[in-house]
Amino acid sequence: MGLSTHVLDTMNGCPAAGMAVELFSTEGEKATLIKSLVLNHDGRTDAPLFDNNTLKVGTYRLTFDVAAYFKARGVELPEPSFLNKVSLDFGVANVEQHYHVPLLVSPWSYSTYRGS
């Protein structure tokens, strides 16, 4: 159970290894940073963002540093880039369930869903 994420780079057809991610708890417009991390070689976190003992009912935000990731891969992006940071706001209603928040991303588009 708990909370996890991973990112797939759809431009290059690979995991988004090295992408910076931030996790926030949110309450209305207020966002409180919980942790910052960098995705591993598989585009995943090395450990769950929250395990099933620490995940709480509430609202959260994951912010993915998309532009910095693609620039580090040598992709020439316009200034300003179309996508800079992608933020996903989501709610956790049942801490007995697993919440997996994947991101599929290119410099020009992204998609997400609630995974398993």
PDB file of N, CA and C in Angstrom:
ATOM      1  N   MET A   1       0.847  -1.176   0.000  1.00  0.00           N
ATOM      2  CA  MET A   1       0.000   0.000   0.000  1.00  0.00           C
ATOM      3  C   MET A   1       0.891   1.237   0.000  1.00  0.00           C
ATOM      4  N   GLY A   2       0.338   2.392   0.248  1.00  0.00           N
ATOM      5  CA  GLY A   2       1.134   3.607   0.296  1.00  0.00           C
ATOM      6  C   GLY A   2       0.990   4.431  -0.973  1.00  0.00           C
ATOM      7  N   LEU A   3       2.040   5.218  -1.251  1.00  0.00           N
ATOM      8  CA  LEU A   3       2.061   6.126  -2.392  1.00  0.00           C
ATOM      9  C   LEU A   3       3.362   5.942  -3.153  1.00  0.00           C
ATOM     10  N   SER A   4       3.256   5.804  -4.478  1.00  0.00           N
ATOM     11  CA  SER A   4       4.437   5.662  -5.317  1.00  0.00           C
ATOM     12  C   SER A   4       4.226   6.410  -6.622  1.00  0.00           C
ATOM     13  N   THR A   5       5.322   6.603  -7.363  1.00  0.00           N
ATOM     14  CA  THR A   5       5.260   7.254  -8.669  1.00  0.00           C
ATOM     15  C   THR A   5       6.345   6.683  -9.554  1.00  0.00           C
ATOM     16  N   HIS A   6       6.202   6.881 -10.831  1.00  0.00           N
ATOM     17  CA  HIS A   6       7.284   6.654 -11.783  1.00  0.00           C
ATOM     18  C   HIS A   6       7.007   7.501 -13.009  1.00  0.00           C
ATOM     19  N   VAL A   7       8.063   7.754 -13.785  1.00  0.00           N
ATOM     20  CA  VAL A   7       7.939   8.615 -14.956  1.00  0.00           C
ATOM     21  C   VAL A   7       8.551   7.909 -16.156  1.00  0.00           C
ATOM     22  N   LEU A   8       7.809   7.931 -17.261  1.00  0.00           N
ATOM     23  CA  LEU A   8       8.298   7.408 -18.529  1.00  0.00           C
ATOM     24  C   LEU A   8       8.468   8.554 -19.514  1.00  0.00           C
ATOM     25  N   ASP A   9       9.635   8.614 -20.123  1.00  0.00           N
ATOM     26  CA  ASP A   9       9.989   9.610 -21.124  1.00  0.00           C
ATOM     27  C   ASP A   9       9.480   9.077 -22.464  1.00  0.00           C
ATOM     28  N   THR A  10       8.371   9.640 -22.956  1.00  0.00           N
ATOM     29  CA  THR A  10       7.775   9.130 -24.186  1.00  0.00           C
ATOM     30  C   THR A  10       8.475   9.656 -25.432  1.00  0.00           C
ATOM     31  N   MET A  11       9.288  10.690 -25.297  1.00  0.00           N
ATOM     32  CA  MET A  11      10.059  11.178 -26.440  1.00  0.00           C
ATOM     33  C   MET A  11      11.162  10.188 -26.796  1.00  0.00           C
ATOM     34  N   ASN A  12      11.834   9.668 -25.779  1.00  0.00           N
ATOM     35  CA  ASN A  12      12.968   8.775 -25.985  1.00  0.00           C
ATOM     36  C   ASN A  12      12.630   7.308 -25.746  1.00  0.00           C
ATOM     37  N   GLY A  13      11.425   7.026 -25.277  1.00  0.00           N
ATOM     38  CA  GLY A  13      11.010   5.648 -25.054  1.00  0.00           C
ATOM     39  C   GLY A  13      11.779   4.955 -23.947  1.00  0.00           C
ATOM     40  N   CYS A  14      11.930   5.661 -22.814  1.00  0.00           N
ATOM     41  CA  CYS A  14      12.710   5.101 -21.704  1.00  0.00           C
ATOM     42  C   CYS A  14      12.221   5.678 -20.376  1.00  0.00           C
ATOM     43  N   PRO A  15      12.659   5.090 -19.260  1.00  0.00           N
ATOM     44  CA  PRO A  15      12.354   5.688 -17.957  1.00  0.00           C
ATOM     45  C   PRO A  15      13.040   7.048 -17.843  1.00  0.00           C
ATOM     46  N   ALA A  16      12.451   7.954 -17.095  1.00  0.00           N
ATOM     47  CA  ALA A  16      12.998   9.303 -16.915  1.00  0.00           C
ATOM     48  C   ALA A  16      13.986   9.330 -15.748  1.00  0.00           C
ATOM     49  N   ALA A  17      15.061   8.579 -15.903  1.00  0.00           N
ATOM     50  CA  ALA A  17      16.096   8.507 -14.867  1.00  0.00           C
ATOM     51  C   ALA A  17      16.705   9.887 -14.639  1.00  0.00           C
ATOM     52  N   GLY A  18      16.829  10.267 -13.380  1.00  0.00           N
ATOM     53  CA  GLY A  18      17.442  11.536 -13.026  1.00  0.00           C
ATOM     54  C   GLY A  18      16.481  12.705 -12.921  1.00  0.00           C
ATOM     55  N   MET A  19      15.194  12.502 -13.203  1.00  0.00           N
ATOM     56  CA  MET A  19      14.242  13.611 -13.084  1.00  0.00           C
ATOM     57  C   MET A  19      14.025  13.964 -11.619  1.00  0.00           C
ATOM     58  N   ALA A  20      14.020  15.258 -11.317  1.00  0.00           N
ATOM     59  CA  ALA A  20      13.749  15.740  -9.962  1.00  0.00           C
ATOM     60  C   ALA A  20      12.240  15.788  -9.731  1.00  0.00           C
ATOM     61  N   VAL A  21      11.829  15.377  -8.530  1.00  0.00           N
ATOM     62  CA  VAL A  21      10.414  15.335  -8.155  1.00  0.00           C
ATOM     63  C   VAL A  21      10.274  15.893  -6.745  1.00  0.00           C
ATOM     64  N   GLU A  22       9.195  16.635  -6.530  1.00  0.00           N
ATOM     65  CA  GLU A  22       8.872  17.124  -5.192  1.00  0.00           C
ATOM     66  C   GLU A  22       7.473  16.641  -4.822  1.00  0.00           C
ATOM     67  N   LEU A  23       7.313  16.281  -3.559  1.00  0.00           N
ATOM     68  CA  LEU A  23       6.017  15.876  -3.007  1.00  0.00           C
ATOM     69  C   LEU A  23       5.592  16.896  -1.973  1.00  0.00           C
ATOM     70  N   PHE A  24       4.360  17.376  -2.113  1.00  0.00           N
ATOM     71  CA  PHE A  24       3.783  18.355  -1.196  1.00  0.00           C
ATOM     72  C   PHE A  24       2.481  17.796  -0.616  1.00  0.00           C
ATOM     73  N   SER A  25       2.161  18.195   0.596  1.00  0.00           N
ATOM     74  CA  SER A  25       0.795  18.053   1.082  1.00  0.00           C
ATOM     75  C   SER A  25       0.119  19.384   0.788  1.00  0.00           C
ATOM     76  N   THR A  26      -1.173  19.353   0.489  1.00  0.00           N
ATOM     77  CA  THR A  26      -1.870  20.593   0.144  1.00  0.00           C
ATOM     78  C   THR A  26      -3.111  20.759   1.006  1.00  0.00           C
ATOM     79  N   GLU A  27      -3.418  22.006   1.238  1.00  0.00           N
ATOM     80  CA  GLU A  27      -4.654  22.373   1.932  1.00  0.00           C
ATOM     81  C   GLU A  27      -5.110  23.682   1.316  1.00  0.00           C
ATOM     82  N   GLY A  28      -6.119  23.590   0.434  1.00  0.00           N
ATOM     83  CA  GLY A  28      -6.525  24.774  -0.323  1.00  0.00           C
ATOM     84  C   GLY A  28      -5.377  25.204  -1.215  1.00  0.00           C
ATOM     85  N   GLU A  29      -4.989  26.472  -1.144  1.00  0.00           N
ATOM     86  CA  GLU A  29      -3.878  26.989  -1.955  1.00  0.00           C
ATOM     87  C   GLU A  29      -2.526  26.782  -1.292  1.00  0.00           C
ATOM     88  N   LYS A  30      -2.517  26.349  -0.042  1.00  0.00           N
ATOM     89  CA  LYS A  30      -1.261  26.163   0.687  1.00  0.00           C
ATOM     90  C   LYS A  30      -0.658  24.799   0.371  1.00  0.00           C
ATOM     91  N   ALA A  31       0.637  24.808   0.006  1.00  0.00           N
ATOM     92  CA  ALA A  31       1.353  23.564  -0.272  1.00  0.00           C
ATOM     93  C   ALA A  31       2.584  23.504   0.629  1.00  0.00           C
ATOM     94  N   THR A  32       2.759  22.389   1.307  1.00  0.00           N
ATOM     95  CA  THR A  32       3.887  22.193   2.215  1.00  0.00           C
ATOM     96  C   THR A  32       4.776  21.080   1.658  1.00  0.00           C
ATOM     97  N   LEU A  33       6.037  21.416   1.408  1.00  0.00           N
ATOM     98  CA  LEU A  33       6.977  20.442   0.864  1.00  0.00           C
ATOM     99  C   LEU A  33       7.220  19.329   1.875  1.00  0.00           C
ATOM    100  N   ILE A  34       7.064  18.098   1.438  1.00  0.00           N
ATOM    101  CA  ILE A  34       7.321  16.935   2.281  1.00  0.00           C
ATOM    102  C   ILE A  34       8.686  16.349   1.963  1.00  0.00           C
ATOM    103  N   LYS A  35       8.975  16.188   0.659  1.00  0.00           N
ATOM    104  CA  LYS A  35      10.291  15.673   0.283  1.00  0.00           C
ATOM    105  C   LYS A  35      10.612  16.004  -1.159  1.00  0.00           C
ATOM    106  N   SER A  36      11.905  16.071  -1.428  1.00  0.00           N
ATOM    107  CA  SER A  36      12.446  16.241  -2.775  1.00  0.00           C
ATOM    108  C   SER A  36      13.294  15.017  -3.069  1.00  0.00           C
ATOM    109  N   LEU A  37      13.257  14.551  -4.301  1.00  0.00           N
ATOM    110  CA  LEU A  37      14.038  13.369  -4.649  1.00  0.00           C
ATOM    111  C   LEU A  37      14.348  13.374  -6.127  1.00  0.00           C
ATOM    112  N   VAL A  38      15.216  12.442  -6.524  1.00  0.00           N
ATOM    113  CA  VAL A  38      15.581  12.250  -7.923  1.00  0.00           C
ATOM    114  C   VAL A  38      15.256  10.801  -8.278  1.00  0.00           C
ATOM    115  N   LEU A  39      14.629  10.616  -9.433  1.00  0.00           N
ATOM    116  CA  LEU A  39      14.225   9.272  -9.853  1.00  0.00           C
ATOM    117  C   LEU A  39      15.439   8.422 -10.234  1.00  0.00           C
ATOM    118  N   ASN A  40      15.361   7.138  -9.930  1.00  0.00           N
ATOM    119  CA  ASN A  40      16.466   6.216 -10.187  1.00  0.00           C
ATOM    120  C   ASN A  40      16.513   5.796 -11.661  1.00  0.00           C
ATOM    121  N   HIS A  41      17.378   4.852 -11.996  1.00  0.00           N
ATOM    122  CA  HIS A  41      17.597   4.390 -13.373  1.00  0.00           C
ATOM    123  C   HIS A  41      16.330   3.845 -14.030  1.00  0.00           C
ATOM    124  N   ASP A  42      15.365   3.432 -13.227  1.00  0.00           N
ATOM    125  CA  ASP A  42      14.111   2.888 -13.739  1.00  0.00           C
ATOM    126  C   ASP A  42      12.999   3.938 -13.758  1.00  0.00           C
ATOM    127  N   GLY A  43      13.347   5.214 -13.492  1.00  0.00           N
ATOM    128  CA  GLY A  43      12.344   6.280 -13.474  1.00  0.00           C
ATOM    129  C   GLY A  43      11.422   6.208 -12.279  1.00  0.00           C
ATOM    130  N   ARG A  44      11.881   5.546 -11.220  1.00  0.00           N
ATOM    131  CA  ARG A  44      11.076   5.339 -10.014  1.00  0.00           C
ATOM    132  C   ARG A  44      11.820   5.874  -8.797  1.00  0.00           C
ATOM    133  N   THR A  45      11.106   5.962  -7.700  1.00  0.00           N
ATOM    134  CA  THR A  45      11.741   6.298  -6.429  1.00  0.00           C
ATOM    135  C   THR A  45      12.359   5.034  -5.847  1.00  0.00           C
ATOM    136  N   ASP A  46      13.405   5.186  -5.051  1.00  0.00           N
ATOM    137  CA  ASP A  46      14.045   4.023  -4.446  1.00  0.00           C
ATOM    138  C   ASP A  46      13.186   3.386  -3.355  1.00  0.00           C
ATOM    139  N   ALA A  47      12.289   4.162  -2.788  1.00  0.00           N
ATOM    140  CA  ALA A  47      11.375   3.680  -1.747  1.00  0.00           C
ATOM    141  C   ALA A  47      10.028   4.366  -1.974  1.00  0.00           C
ATOM    142  N   PRO A  48       8.956   3.825  -1.421  1.00  0.00           N
ATOM    143  CA  PRO A  48       7.661   4.509  -1.564  1.00  0.00           C
ATOM    144  C   PRO A  48       7.730   5.939  -1.025  1.00  0.00           C
ATOM    145  N   LEU A  49       6.953   6.821  -1.622  1.00  0.00           N
ATOM    146  CA  LEU A  49       6.871   8.195  -1.118  1.00  0.00           C
ATOM    147  C   LEU A  49       6.273   8.197   0.286  1.00  0.00           C
ATOM    148  N   PHE A  50       5.286   7.353   0.485  1.00  0.00           N
ATOM    149  CA  PHE A  50       4.716   7.061   1.798  1.00  0.00           C
ATOM    150  C   PHE A  50       4.497   5.560   1.844  1.00  0.00           C
ATOM    151  N   ASP A  51       4.778   4.939   2.977  1.00  0.00           N
ATOM    152  CA  ASP A  51       4.394   3.540   3.118  1.00  0.00           C
ATOM    153  C   ASP A  51       2.987   3.498   3.696  1.00  0.00           C
ATOM    154  N   ASN A  52       2.439   2.312   3.877  1.00  0.00           N
ATOM    155  CA  ASN A  52       1.051   2.214   4.324  1.00  0.00           C
ATOM    156  C   ASN A  52       0.856   2.658   5.770  1.00  0.00           C
ATOM    157  N   ASN A  53       1.931   2.845   6.522  1.00  0.00           N
ATOM    158  CA  ASN A  53       1.804   3.327   7.898  1.00  0.00           C
ATOM    159  C   ASN A  53       1.838   4.847   8.011  1.00  0.00           C
ATOM    160  N   THR A  54       2.393   5.521   6.994  1.00  0.00           N
ATOM    161  CA  THR A  54       2.537   6.971   7.093  1.00  0.00           C
ATOM    162  C   THR A  54       1.618   7.751   6.157  1.00  0.00           C
ATOM    163  N   LEU A  55       1.017   7.091   5.172  1.00  0.00           N
ATOM    164  CA  LEU A  55       0.093   7.775   4.263  1.00  0.00           C
ATOM    165  C   LEU A  55      -1.163   8.182   5.022  1.00  0.00           C
ATOM    166  N   LYS A  56      -1.579   9.413   4.826  1.00  0.00           N
ATOM    167  CA  LYS A  56      -2.771   9.959   5.491  1.00  0.00           C
ATOM    168  C   LYS A  56      -3.805  10.373   4.444  1.00  0.00           C
ATOM    169  N   VAL A  57      -5.073  10.319   4.827  1.00  0.00           N
ATOM    170  CA  VAL A  57      -6.141  10.852   3.978  1.00  0.00           C
ATOM    171  C   VAL A  57      -5.873  12.341   3.800  1.00  0.00           C
ATOM    172  N   GLY A  58      -5.998  12.820   2.569  1.00  0.00           N
ATOM    173  CA  GLY A  58      -5.781  14.238   2.310  1.00  0.00           C
ATOM    174  C   GLY A  58      -5.458  14.495   0.853  1.00  0.00           C
ATOM    175  N   THR A  59      -5.000  15.707   0.591  1.00  0.00           N
ATOM    176  CA  THR A  59      -4.660  16.103  -0.770  1.00  0.00           C
ATOM    177  C   THR A  59      -3.161  16.349  -0.868  1.00  0.00           C
ATOM    178  N   TYR A  60      -2.629  16.025  -2.039  1.00  0.00           N
ATOM    179  CA  TYR A  60      -1.187  16.065  -2.268  1.00  0.00           C
ATOM    180  C   TYR A  60      -0.894  16.629  -3.651  1.00  0.00           C
ATOM    181  N   ARG A  61       0.374  16.986  -3.857  1.00  0.00           N
ATOM    182  CA  ARG A  61       0.846  17.454  -5.161  1.00  0.00           C
ATOM    183  C   ARG A  61       2.209  16.827  -5.432  1.00  0.00           C
ATOM    184  N   LEU A  62       2.354  16.272  -6.609  1.00  0.00           N
ATOM    185  CA  LEU A  62       3.660  15.851  -7.103  1.00  0.00           C
ATOM    186  C   LEU A  62       4.071  16.836  -8.191  1.00  0.00           C
ATOM    187  N   THR A  63       5.289  17.357  -8.108  1.00  0.00           N
ATOM    188  CA  THR A  63       5.806  18.290  -9.107  1.00  0.00           C
ATOM    189  C   THR A  63       7.041  17.676  -9.748  1.00  0.00           C
ATOM    190  N   PHE A  64       7.008  17.552 -11.065  1.00  0.00           N
ATOM    191  CA  PHE A  64       8.056  16.908 -11.837  1.00  0.00           C
ATOM    192  C   PHE A  64       8.795  17.977 -12.643  1.00  0.00           C
ATOM    193  N   ASP A  65      10.120  18.036 -12.543  1.00  0.00           N
ATOM    194  CA  ASP A  65      10.924  19.051 -13.233  1.00  0.00           C
ATOM    195  C   ASP A  65      11.233  18.578 -14.655  1.00  0.00           C
ATOM    196  N   VAL A  66      10.242  18.716 -15.514  1.00  0.00           N
ATOM    197  CA  VAL A  66      10.282  18.187 -16.874  1.00  0.00           C
ATOM    198  C   VAL A  66      11.317  18.906 -17.741  1.00  0.00           C
ATOM    199  N   ALA A  67      11.299  20.234 -17.761  1.00  0.00           N
ATOM    200  CA  ALA A  67      12.213  20.986 -18.628  1.00  0.00           C
ATOM    201  C   ALA A  67      13.668  20.701 -18.267  1.00  0.00           C
ATOM    202  N   ALA A  68      14.004  20.698 -16.996  1.00  0.00           N
ATOM    203  CA  ALA A  68      15.387  20.437 -16.584  1.00  0.00           C
ATOM    204  C   ALA A  68      15.822  19.036 -17.004  1.00  0.00           C
ATOM    205  N   TYR A  69      14.921  18.072 -16.893  1.00  0.00           N
ATOM    206  CA  TYR A  69      15.229  16.701 -17.302  1.00  0.00           C
ATOM    207  C   TYR A  69      15.570  16.648 -18.788  1.00  0.00           C
ATOM    208  N   PHE A  70      14.711  17.231 -19.636  1.00  0.00           N
ATOM    209  CA  PHE A  70      14.954  17.151 -21.077  1.00  0.00           C
ATOM    210  C   PHE A  70      16.174  17.975 -21.480  1.00  0.00           C
ATOM    211  N   LYS A  71      16.395  19.119 -20.847  1.00  0.00           N
ATOM    212  CA  LYS A  71      17.603  19.904 -21.131  1.00  0.00           C
ATOM    213  C   LYS A  71      18.850  19.105 -20.778  1.00  0.00           C
ATOM    214  N   ALA A  72      18.824  18.378 -19.665  1.00  0.00           N
ATOM    215  CA  ALA A  72      19.971  17.557 -19.255  1.00  0.00           C
ATOM    216  C   ALA A  72      20.227  16.430 -20.253  1.00  0.00           C
ATOM    217  N   ARG A  73      19.192  16.010 -20.970  1.00  0.00           N
ATOM    218  CA  ARG A  73      19.346  14.972 -22.002  1.00  0.00           C
ATOM    219  C   ARG A  73      19.778  15.568 -23.340  1.00  0.00           C
ATOM    220  N   GLY A  74      19.974  16.874 -23.395  1.00  0.00           N
ATOM    221  CA  GLY A  74      20.441  17.516 -24.615  1.00  0.00           C
ATOM    222  C   GLY A  74      19.353  17.927 -25.578  1.00  0.00           C
ATOM    223  N   VAL A  75      18.100  17.909 -25.130  1.00  0.00           N
ATOM    224  CA  VAL A  75      16.992  18.332 -25.988  1.00  0.00           C
ATOM    225  C   VAL A  75      16.972  19.860 -26.036  1.00  0.00           C
ATOM    226  N   GLU A  76      16.968  20.418 -27.240  1.00  0.00           N
ATOM    227  CA  GLU A  76      16.881  21.869 -27.386  1.00  0.00           C
ATOM    228  C   GLU A  76      15.425  22.288 -27.207  1.00  0.00           C
ATOM    229  N   LEU A  77      15.186  23.080 -26.187  1.00  0.00           N
ATOM    230  CA  LEU A  77      13.842  23.552 -25.879  1.00  0.00           C
ATOM    231  C   LEU A  77      13.768  25.050 -26.120  1.00  0.00           C
ATOM    232  N   PRO A  78      12.600  25.547 -26.534  1.00  0.00           N
ATOM    233  CA  PRO A  78      12.449  26.996 -26.680  1.00  0.00           C
ATOM    234  C   PRO A  78      12.510  27.661 -25.306  1.00  0.00           C
ATOM    235  N   GLU A  79      12.759  28.954 -25.299  1.00  0.00           N
ATOM    236  CA  GLU A  79      12.771  29.719 -24.052  1.00  0.00           C
ATOM    237  C   GLU A  79      11.626  30.703 -24.093  1.00  0.00           C
ATOM    238  N   PRO A  80      10.649  30.626 -23.257  1.00  0.00           N
ATOM    239  CA  PRO A  80      10.504  29.608 -22.226  1.00  0.00           C
ATOM    240  C   PRO A  80      10.036  28.285 -22.847  1.00  0.00           C
ATOM    241  N   SER A  81      10.315  27.213 -22.141  1.00  0.00           N
ATOM    242  CA  SER A  81       9.897  25.901 -22.617  1.00  0.00           C
ATOM    243  C   SER A  81       8.379  25.761 -22.497  1.00  0.00           C
ATOM    244  N   PHE A  82       7.793  24.924 -23.339  1.00  0.00           N
ATOM    245  CA  PHE A  82       6.347  24.717 -23.290  1.00  0.00           C
ATOM    246  C   PHE A  82       5.936  24.135 -21.944  1.00  0.00           C
ATOM    247  N   LEU A  83       6.593  23.061 -21.527  1.00  0.00           N
ATOM    248  CA  LEU A  83       6.381  22.505 -20.189  1.00  0.00           C
ATOM    249  C   LEU A  83       7.625  22.774 -19.364  1.00  0.00           C
ATOM    250  N   ASN A  84       7.446  23.329 -18.184  1.00  0.00           N
ATOM    251  CA  ASN A  84       8.556  23.554 -17.278  1.00  0.00           C
ATOM    252  C   ASN A  84       8.476  22.504 -16.181  1.00  0.00           C
ATOM    253  N   LYS A  85       7.620  22.750 -15.228  1.00  0.00           N
ATOM    254  CA  LYS A  85       7.351  21.768 -14.185  1.00  0.00           C
ATOM    255  C   LYS A  85       5.897  21.331 -14.318  1.00  0.00           C
ATOM    256  N   VAL A  86       5.681  20.042 -14.220  1.00  0.00           N
ATOM    257  CA  VAL A  86       4.328  19.490 -14.284  1.00  0.00           C
ATOM    258  C   VAL A  86       3.901  19.161 -12.864  1.00  0.00           C
ATOM    259  N   SER A  87       2.797  19.766 -12.431  1.00  0.00           N
ATOM    260  CA  SER A  87       2.258  19.507 -11.098  1.00  0.00           C
ATOM    261  C   SER A  87       0.964  18.730 -11.207  1.00  0.00           C
ATOM    262  N   LEU A  88       0.878  17.667 -10.429  1.00  0.00           N
ATOM    263  CA  LEU A  88      -0.326  16.839 -10.385  1.00  0.00           C
ATOM    264  C   LEU A  88      -0.907  16.912  -8.982  1.00  0.00           C
ATOM    265  N   ASP A  89      -2.102  17.431  -8.858  1.00  0.00           N
ATOM    266  CA  ASP A  89      -2.806  17.480  -7.577  1.00  0.00           C
ATOM    267  C   ASP A  89      -3.764  16.298  -7.521  1.00  0.00           C
ATOM    268  N   PHE A  90      -3.756  15.595  -6.417  1.00  0.00           N
ATOM    269  CA  PHE A  90      -4.602  14.408  -6.289  1.00  0.00           C
ATOM    270  C   PHE A  90      -4.987  14.214  -4.826  1.00  0.00           C
ATOM    271  N   GLY A  91      -6.013  13.414  -4.624  1.00  0.00           N
ATOM    272  CA  GLY A  91      -6.496  13.144  -3.276  1.00  0.00           C
ATOM    273  C   GLY A  91      -6.347  11.685  -2.900  1.00  0.00           C
ATOM    274  N   VAL A  92      -6.107  11.454  -1.634  1.00  0.00           N
ATOM    275  CA  VAL A  92      -6.048  10.109  -1.068  1.00  0.00           C
ATOM    276  C   VAL A  92      -7.247   9.970  -0.142  1.00  0.00           C
ATOM    277  N   ALA A  93      -8.167   9.093  -0.502  1.00  0.00           N
ATOM    278  CA  ALA A  93      -9.388   8.920   0.275  1.00  0.00           C
ATOM    279  C   ALA A  93      -9.358   7.680   1.160  1.00  0.00           C
ATOM    280  N   ASN A  94      -8.531   6.699   0.797  1.00  0.00           N
ATOM    281  CA  ASN A  94      -8.522   5.432   1.528  1.00  0.00           C
ATOM    282  C   ASN A  94      -7.084   4.955   1.687  1.00  0.00           C
ATOM    283  N   VAL A  95      -6.535   5.070   2.884  1.00  0.00           N
ATOM    284  CA  VAL A  95      -5.133   4.706   3.114  1.00  0.00           C
ATOM    285  C   VAL A  95      -4.905   3.198   3.103  1.00  0.00           C
ATOM    286  N   GLU A  96      -5.961   2.417   3.015  1.00  0.00           N
ATOM    287  CA  GLU A  96      -5.827   0.964   2.897  1.00  0.00           C
ATOM    288  C   GLU A  96      -5.529   0.549   1.455  1.00  0.00           C
ATOM    289  N   GLN A  97      -5.664   1.484   0.516  1.00  0.00           N
ATOM    290  CA  GLN A  97      -5.393   1.205  -0.887  1.00  0.00           C
ATOM    291  C   GLN A  97      -4.027   1.767  -1.275  1.00  0.00           C
ATOM    292  N   HIS A  98      -3.472   1.238  -2.369  1.00  0.00           N
ATOM    293  CA  HIS A  98      -2.223   1.763  -2.904  1.00  0.00           C
ATOM    294  C   HIS A  98      -2.541   2.862  -3.909  1.00  0.00           C
ATOM    295  N   TYR A  99      -1.836   3.977  -3.819  1.00  0.00           N
ATOM    296  CA  TYR A  99      -1.975   5.076  -4.765  1.00  0.00           C
ATOM    297  C   TYR A  99      -0.673   5.171  -5.555  1.00  0.00           C
ATOM    298  N   HIS A 100      -0.747   4.841  -6.848  1.00  0.00           N
ATOM    299  CA  HIS A 100       0.410   4.935  -7.731  1.00  0.00           C
ATOM    300  C   HIS A 100       0.101   6.016  -8.753  1.00  0.00           C
ATOM    301  N   VAL A 101       0.980   7.013  -8.863  1.00  0.00           N
ATOM    302  CA  VAL A 101       0.749   8.167  -9.730  1.00  0.00           C
ATOM    303  C   VAL A 101       1.857   8.222 -10.787  1.00  0.00           C
ATOM    304  N   PRO A 102       1.658   7.566 -11.928  1.00  0.00           N
ATOM    305  CA  PRO A 102       2.656   7.601 -12.986  1.00  0.00           C
ATOM    306  C   PRO A 102       2.494   8.838 -13.875  1.00  0.00           C
ATOM    307  N   LEU A 103       3.584   9.208 -14.517  1.00  0.00           N
ATOM    308  CA  LEU A 103       3.573  10.315 -15.471  1.00  0.00           C
ATOM    309  C   LEU A 103       4.249   9.840 -16.749  1.00  0.00           C
ATOM    310  N   LEU A 104       3.582  10.032 -17.876  1.00  0.00           N
ATOM    311  CA  LEU A 104       4.163   9.793 -19.192  1.00  0.00           C
ATOM    312  C   LEU A 104       4.362  11.175 -19.794  1.00  0.00           C
ATOM    313  N   VAL A 105       5.604  11.495 -20.215  1.00  0.00           N
ATOM    314  CA  VAL A 105       5.888  12.887 -20.544  1.00  0.00           C
ATOM    315  C   VAL A 105       6.865  13.025 -21.711  1.00  0.00           C
ATOM    316  N   SER A 106       6.648  14.076 -22.487  1.00  0.00           N
ATOM    317  CA  SER A 106       7.582  14.547 -23.509  1.00  0.00           C
ATOM    318  C   SER A 106       7.742  16.050 -23.249  1.00  0.00           C
ATOM    319  N   PRO A 107       8.571  16.744 -24.006  1.00  0.00           N
ATOM    320  CA  PRO A 107       8.670  18.195 -23.792  1.00  0.00           C
ATOM    321  C   PRO A 107       7.393  18.961 -24.124  1.00  0.00           C
ATOM    322  N   TRP A 108       6.436  18.282 -24.815  1.00  0.00           N
ATOM    323  CA  TRP A 108       5.243  18.982 -25.283  1.00  0.00           C
ATOM    324  C   TRP A 108       3.927  18.418 -24.775  1.00  0.00           C
ATOM    325  N   SER A 109       3.973  17.307 -24.045  1.00  0.00           N
ATOM    326  CA  SER A 109       2.718  16.719 -23.586  1.00  0.00           C
ATOM    327  C   SER A 109       2.967  15.818 -22.380  1.00  0.00           C
ATOM    328  N   TYR A 110       1.875  15.563 -21.649  1.00  0.00           N
ATOM    329  CA  TYR A 110       1.955  14.592 -20.561  1.00  0.00           C
ATOM    330  C   TYR A 110       0.603  13.949 -20.336  1.00  0.00           C
ATOM    331  N   SER A 111       0.655  12.794 -19.676  1.00  0.00           N
ATOM    332  CA  SER A 111      -0.545  12.045 -19.333  1.00  0.00           C
ATOM    333  C   SER A 111      -0.299  11.360 -17.998  1.00  0.00           C
ATOM    334  N   THR A 112      -1.349  11.199 -17.242  1.00  0.00           N
ATOM    335  CA  THR A 112      -1.255  10.499 -15.970  1.00  0.00           C
ATOM    336  C   THR A 112      -2.520   9.698 -15.748  1.00  0.00           C
ATOM    337  N   TYR A 113      -2.488   8.850 -14.760  1.00  0.00           N
ATOM    338  CA  TYR A 113      -3.646   8.031 -14.386  1.00  0.00           C
ATOM    339  C   TYR A 113      -3.367   7.470 -13.001  1.00  0.00           C
ATOM    340  N   ARG A 114      -4.371   6.894 -12.398  1.00  0.00           N
ATOM    341  CA  ARG A 114      -4.139   6.219 -11.125  1.00  0.00           C
ATOM    342  C   ARG A 114      -3.771   4.781 -11.432  1.00  0.00           C
ATOM    343  N   GLY A 115      -2.535   4.445 -11.184  1.00  0.00           N
ATOM    344  CA  GLY A 115      -2.052   3.112 -11.453  1.00  0.00           C
ATOM    345  C   GLY A 115      -2.268   2.184 -10.270  1.00  0.00           C
ATOM    346  N   SER A 116      -1.740   0.986 -10.397  1.00  0.00           N
ATOM    347  CA  SER A 116      -1.901   0.014  -9.331  1.00  0.00           C
ATOM    348  C   SER A 116      -0.550  -0.383  -8.761  1.00  0.00           C
TER     349      SER A 116
END
